[in-house]
Amino acid sequence: MWSDPIADMLTRIRNANAAMKESVDLPASNMKRAVLDILKKEGYIEDYKYIEDGKQGILKVFLKYKGDRRSKQRVISGIVRVSKPGRRIYVGKDELPKVKSGMGIAIVSTSHGIITDKDARKVGVGGEVICYVW
């Protein structure tokens, strides 16, 4: 059992992206689905699919690359876990981080659900910073 399933998910995505894999399988959870919805909406992953396996379920994440087959480039340059079980990072609405001067996103868990830093600024809420993606 993992002590931090979100960090495990991000690490699997980072490793599959580094190896230029087409897809990666993850154990399913609602929080992971919410994070994957944001990654899909922001254009960092192609898509994901839920597969029922009789237990927890599996999320199959299809990674996205730029260019053709010969000159593939990664869409995700970096993905970093910020708030960890041992050290939670909370920010107010005025302290929401800008990742790579606005070129990346921060995924934040708020009272309005799991949203990006840009959406949190629009709504005017803070929360727990889950991860940075650029």
C-alpha atoms as a PDB file:
ATOM      1  CA  MET A   1       0.000   0.000   0.000  1.00  0.00           C
ATOM      2  CA  TRP A   2       1.191   3.502  -0.818  1.00  0.00           C
ATOM      3  CA  SER A   3       1.141   6.325   1.658  1.00  0.00           C
ATOM      4  CA  ASP A   4       0.584   8.835  -1.165  1.00  0.00           C
ATOM      5  CA  PRO A   5      -1.467   7.561  -4.131  1.00  0.00           C
ATOM      6  CA  ILE A   6      -1.409  10.948  -5.930  1.00  0.00           C
ATOM      7  CA  ALA A   7       2.408  11.029  -5.860  1.00  0.00           C
ATOM      8  CA  ASP A   8       2.395   7.454  -7.201  1.00  0.00           C
ATOM      9  CA  MET A   9       0.096   8.530 -10.060  1.00  0.00           C
ATOM     10  CA  LEU A  10       2.262  11.537 -10.939  1.00  0.00           C
ATOM     11  CA  THR A  11       5.423   9.394 -10.843  1.00  0.00           C
ATOM     12  CA  ARG A  12       3.890   6.780 -13.150  1.00  0.00           C
ATOM     13  CA  ILE A  13       2.872   9.505 -15.615  1.00  0.00           C
ATOM     14  CA  ARG A  14       6.333  11.141 -15.393  1.00  0.00           C
ATOM     15  CA  ASN A  15       8.129   7.806 -15.986  1.00  0.00           C
ATOM     16  CA  ALA A  16       5.874   6.759 -18.888  1.00  0.00           C
ATOM     17  CA  ASN A  17       6.298  10.219 -20.429  1.00  0.00           C
ATOM     18  CA  ALA A  18      10.093   9.981 -20.118  1.00  0.00           C
ATOM     19  CA  ALA A  19      10.021   6.538 -21.803  1.00  0.00           C
ATOM     20  CA  MET A  20       7.715   7.926 -24.573  1.00  0.00           C
ATOM     21  CA  LYS A  21       5.020   5.336 -23.801  1.00  0.00           C
ATOM     22  CA  GLU A  22       1.611   5.628 -25.461  1.00  0.00           C
ATOM     23  CA  SER A  23      -0.325   4.886 -22.259  1.00  0.00           C
ATOM     24  CA  VAL A  24       0.034   4.064 -18.563  1.00  0.00           C
ATOM     25  CA  ASP A  25      -2.269   2.177 -16.161  1.00  0.00           C
ATOM     26  CA  LEU A  26      -3.124   3.500 -12.679  1.00  0.00           C
ATOM     27  CA  PRO A  27      -5.292   2.257  -9.816  1.00  0.00           C
ATOM     28  CA  ALA A  28      -8.515   4.300  -9.933  1.00  0.00           C
ATOM     29  CA  SER A  29      -9.880   6.848  -7.450  1.00  0.00           C
ATOM     30  CA  ASN A  30     -12.184   9.858  -7.701  1.00  0.00           C
ATOM     31  CA  MET A  31      -9.400  12.319  -6.847  1.00  0.00           C
ATOM     32  CA  LYS A  32      -7.166  10.862  -9.571  1.00  0.00           C
ATOM     33  CA  ARG A  33     -10.061  11.182 -12.037  1.00  0.00           C
ATOM     34  CA  ALA A  34     -10.466  14.862 -11.107  1.00  0.00           C
ATOM     35  CA  VAL A  35      -6.729  15.504 -11.645  1.00  0.00           C
ATOM     36  CA  LEU A  36      -6.829  13.643 -14.982  1.00  0.00           C
ATOM     37  CA  ASP A  37      -9.886  15.689 -16.050  1.00  0.00           C
ATOM     38  CA  ILE A  38      -7.842  18.858 -15.511  1.00  0.00           C
ATOM     39  CA  LEU A  39      -4.802  17.449 -17.354  1.00  0.00           C
ATOM     40  CA  LYS A  40      -7.061  16.524 -20.290  1.00  0.00           C
ATOM     41  CA  LYS A  41      -8.846  19.902 -20.305  1.00  0.00           C
ATOM     42  CA  GLU A  42      -5.525  21.776 -20.247  1.00  0.00           C
ATOM     43  CA  GLY A  43      -4.115  19.615 -23.073  1.00  0.00           C
ATOM     44  CA  TYR A  44      -1.401  17.732 -21.162  1.00  0.00           C
ATOM     45  CA  ILE A  45      -2.829  14.259 -21.856  1.00  0.00           C
ATOM     46  CA  GLU A  46      -4.745  12.881 -24.838  1.00  0.00           C
ATOM     47  CA  ASP A  47      -7.469  11.105 -22.841  1.00  0.00           C
ATOM     48  CA  TYR A  48      -8.087   8.552 -20.110  1.00  0.00           C
ATOM     49  CA  LYS A  49     -10.416   5.602 -19.745  1.00  0.00           C
ATOM     50  CA  TYR A  50     -11.857   3.840 -16.693  1.00  0.00           C
ATOM     51  CA  ILE A  51     -11.636   0.038 -16.849  1.00  0.00           C
ATOM     52  CA  GLU A  52     -13.676  -2.039 -14.402  1.00  0.00           C
ATOM     53  CA  ASP A  53     -11.654  -4.945 -12.991  1.00  0.00           C
ATOM     54  CA  GLY A  54     -13.973  -6.123 -10.210  1.00  0.00           C
ATOM     55  CA  LYS A  55     -11.873  -4.456  -7.514  1.00  0.00           C
ATOM     56  CA  GLN A  56     -10.741  -0.835  -7.419  1.00  0.00           C
ATOM     57  CA  GLY A  57     -10.770  -0.230 -11.160  1.00  0.00           C
ATOM     58  CA  ILE A  58      -8.008   0.924 -13.483  1.00  0.00           C
ATOM     59  CA  LEU A  59      -7.453   4.276 -15.153  1.00  0.00           C
ATOM     60  CA  LYS A  60      -5.701   3.942 -18.519  1.00  0.00           C
ATOM     61  CA  VAL A  61      -4.072   7.289 -19.326  1.00  0.00           C
ATOM     62  CA  PHE A  62      -3.170   8.025 -22.958  1.00  0.00           C
ATOM     63  CA  LEU A  63      -0.201  10.400 -23.075  1.00  0.00           C
ATOM     64  CA  LYS A  64       0.131  13.221 -25.593  1.00  0.00           C
ATOM     65  CA  TYR A  65       3.140  14.134 -27.733  1.00  0.00           C
ATOM     66  CA  LYS A  66       3.826  16.911 -30.261  1.00  0.00           C
ATOM     67  CA  GLY A  67       5.163  16.297 -33.752  1.00  0.00           C
ATOM     68  CA  ASP A  68       5.167  13.217 -35.949  1.00  0.00           C
ATOM     69  CA  ARG A  69       6.447   9.704 -35.193  1.00  0.00           C
ATOM     70  CA  ARG A  70      10.104  10.573 -35.876  1.00  0.00           C
ATOM     71  CA  SER A  71      10.313  13.877 -34.036  1.00  0.00           C
ATOM     72  CA  LYS A  72       8.030  13.276 -31.048  1.00  0.00           C
ATOM     73  CA  GLN A  73       8.307  15.867 -28.289  1.00  0.00           C
ATOM     74  CA  ARG A  74       6.778  15.594 -24.839  1.00  0.00           C
ATOM     75  CA  VAL A  75       3.820  17.825 -23.983  1.00  0.00           C
ATOM     76  CA  ILE A  76       4.503  17.399 -20.235  1.00  0.00           C
ATOM     77  CA  SER A  77       7.939  18.881 -19.502  1.00  0.00           C
ATOM     78  CA  GLY A  78       7.611  18.490 -15.759  1.00  0.00           C
ATOM     79  CA  ILE A  79       5.117  17.292 -13.167  1.00  0.00           C
ATOM     80  CA  VAL A  80       5.859  17.762  -9.453  1.00  0.00           C
ATOM     81  CA  ARG A  81       3.934  16.864  -6.290  1.00  0.00           C
ATOM     82  CA  VAL A  82       3.761  19.876  -3.932  1.00  0.00           C
ATOM     83  CA  SER A  83       1.592  19.011  -0.940  1.00  0.00           C
ATOM     84  CA  LYS A  84       2.524  15.681   0.641  1.00  0.00           C
ATOM     85  CA  PRO A  85       0.966  13.661   3.474  1.00  0.00           C
ATOM     86  CA  GLY A  86       3.821  14.699   5.780  1.00  0.00           C
ATOM     87  CA  ARG A  87       3.666  18.371   4.819  1.00  0.00           C
ATOM     88  CA  ARG A  88       0.463  19.852   3.474  1.00  0.00           C
ATOM     89  CA  ILE A  89       0.813  23.134   1.552  1.00  0.00           C
ATOM     90  CA  TYR A  90      -2.183  25.459   1.779  1.00  0.00           C
ATOM     91  CA  VAL A  91      -2.457  28.850   0.072  1.00  0.00           C
ATOM     92  CA  GLY A  92      -4.938  31.672   0.318  1.00  0.00           C
ATOM     93  CA  LYS A  93      -6.629  33.229  -2.691  1.00  0.00           C
ATOM     94  CA  ASP A  94      -3.970  35.974  -2.809  1.00  0.00           C
ATOM     95  CA  GLU A  95      -1.029  33.522  -2.638  1.00  0.00           C
ATOM     96  CA  LEU A  96      -1.968  31.161  -5.486  1.00  0.00           C
ATOM     97  CA  PRO A  97       1.270  30.203  -7.293  1.00  0.00           C
ATOM     98  CA  LYS A  98       2.068  30.947 -10.937  1.00  0.00           C
ATOM     99  CA  VAL A  99       3.915  27.998 -12.455  1.00  0.00           C
ATOM    100  CA  LYS A 100       6.676  28.943 -14.911  1.00  0.00           C
ATOM    101  CA  SER A 101       5.328  32.527 -15.124  1.00  0.00           C
ATOM    102  CA  GLY A 102       1.901  31.312 -16.203  1.00  0.00           C
ATOM    103  CA  MET A 103       3.153  28.772 -18.769  1.00  0.00           C
ATOM    104  CA  GLY A 104       2.265  25.849 -16.488  1.00  0.00           C
ATOM    105  CA  ILE A 105      -0.590  25.087 -14.111  1.00  0.00           C
ATOM    106  CA  ALA A 106      -0.976  24.394 -10.425  1.00  0.00           C
ATOM    107  CA  ILE A 107      -3.719  21.937  -9.487  1.00  0.00           C
ATOM    108  CA  VAL A 108      -5.458  23.033  -6.273  1.00  0.00           C
ATOM    109  CA  SER A 109      -7.961  21.221  -4.063  1.00  0.00           C
ATOM    110  CA  THR A 110     -10.526  23.830  -2.978  1.00  0.00           C
ATOM    111  CA  SER A 111     -14.006  23.975  -1.507  1.00  0.00           C
ATOM    112  CA  HIS A 112     -15.193  24.200  -5.152  1.00  0.00           C
ATOM    113  CA  GLY A 113     -13.492  20.905  -6.024  1.00  0.00           C
ATOM    114  CA  ILE A 114     -10.149  20.204  -7.667  1.00  0.00           C
ATOM    115  CA  ILE A 115      -9.399  23.081 -10.056  1.00  0.00           C
ATOM    116  CA  THR A 116      -6.466  24.893 -11.676  1.00  0.00           C
ATOM    117  CA  ASP A 117      -4.808  27.960 -10.166  1.00  0.00           C
ATOM    118  CA  LYS A 118      -6.353  30.125 -12.914  1.00  0.00           C
ATOM    119  CA  ASP A 119      -9.868  28.920 -12.099  1.00  0.00           C
ATOM    120  CA  ALA A 120      -9.211  29.400  -8.359  1.00  0.00           C
ATOM    121  CA  ARG A 121      -8.222  33.031  -9.043  1.00  0.00           C
ATOM    122  CA  LYS A 122     -11.458  33.576 -11.002  1.00  0.00           C
ATOM    123  CA  VAL A 123     -13.591  32.020  -8.247  1.00  0.00           C
ATOM    124  CA  GLY A 124     -11.560  33.765  -5.525  1.00  0.00           C
ATOM    125  CA  VAL A 125     -10.644  30.745  -3.376  1.00  0.00           C
ATOM    126  CA  GLY A 126      -7.481  29.168  -2.034  1.00  0.00           C
ATOM    127  CA  GLY A 127      -6.789  25.612  -0.966  1.00  0.00           C
ATOM    128  CA  GLU A 128      -4.272  22.796  -0.896  1.00  0.00           C
ATOM    129  CA  VAL A 129      -1.759  22.836  -3.760  1.00  0.00           C
ATOM    130  CA  ILE A 130      -1.659  19.265  -5.113  1.00  0.00           C
ATOM    131  CA  CYS A 131       0.900  19.576  -7.915  1.00  0.00           C
ATOM    132  CA  TYR A 132       2.555  21.701 -10.594  1.00  0.00           C
ATOM    133  CA  VAL A 133       2.484  20.734 -14.285  1.00  0.00           C
ATOM    134  CA  TRP A 134       4.372  22.440 -17.106  1.00  0.00           C
END
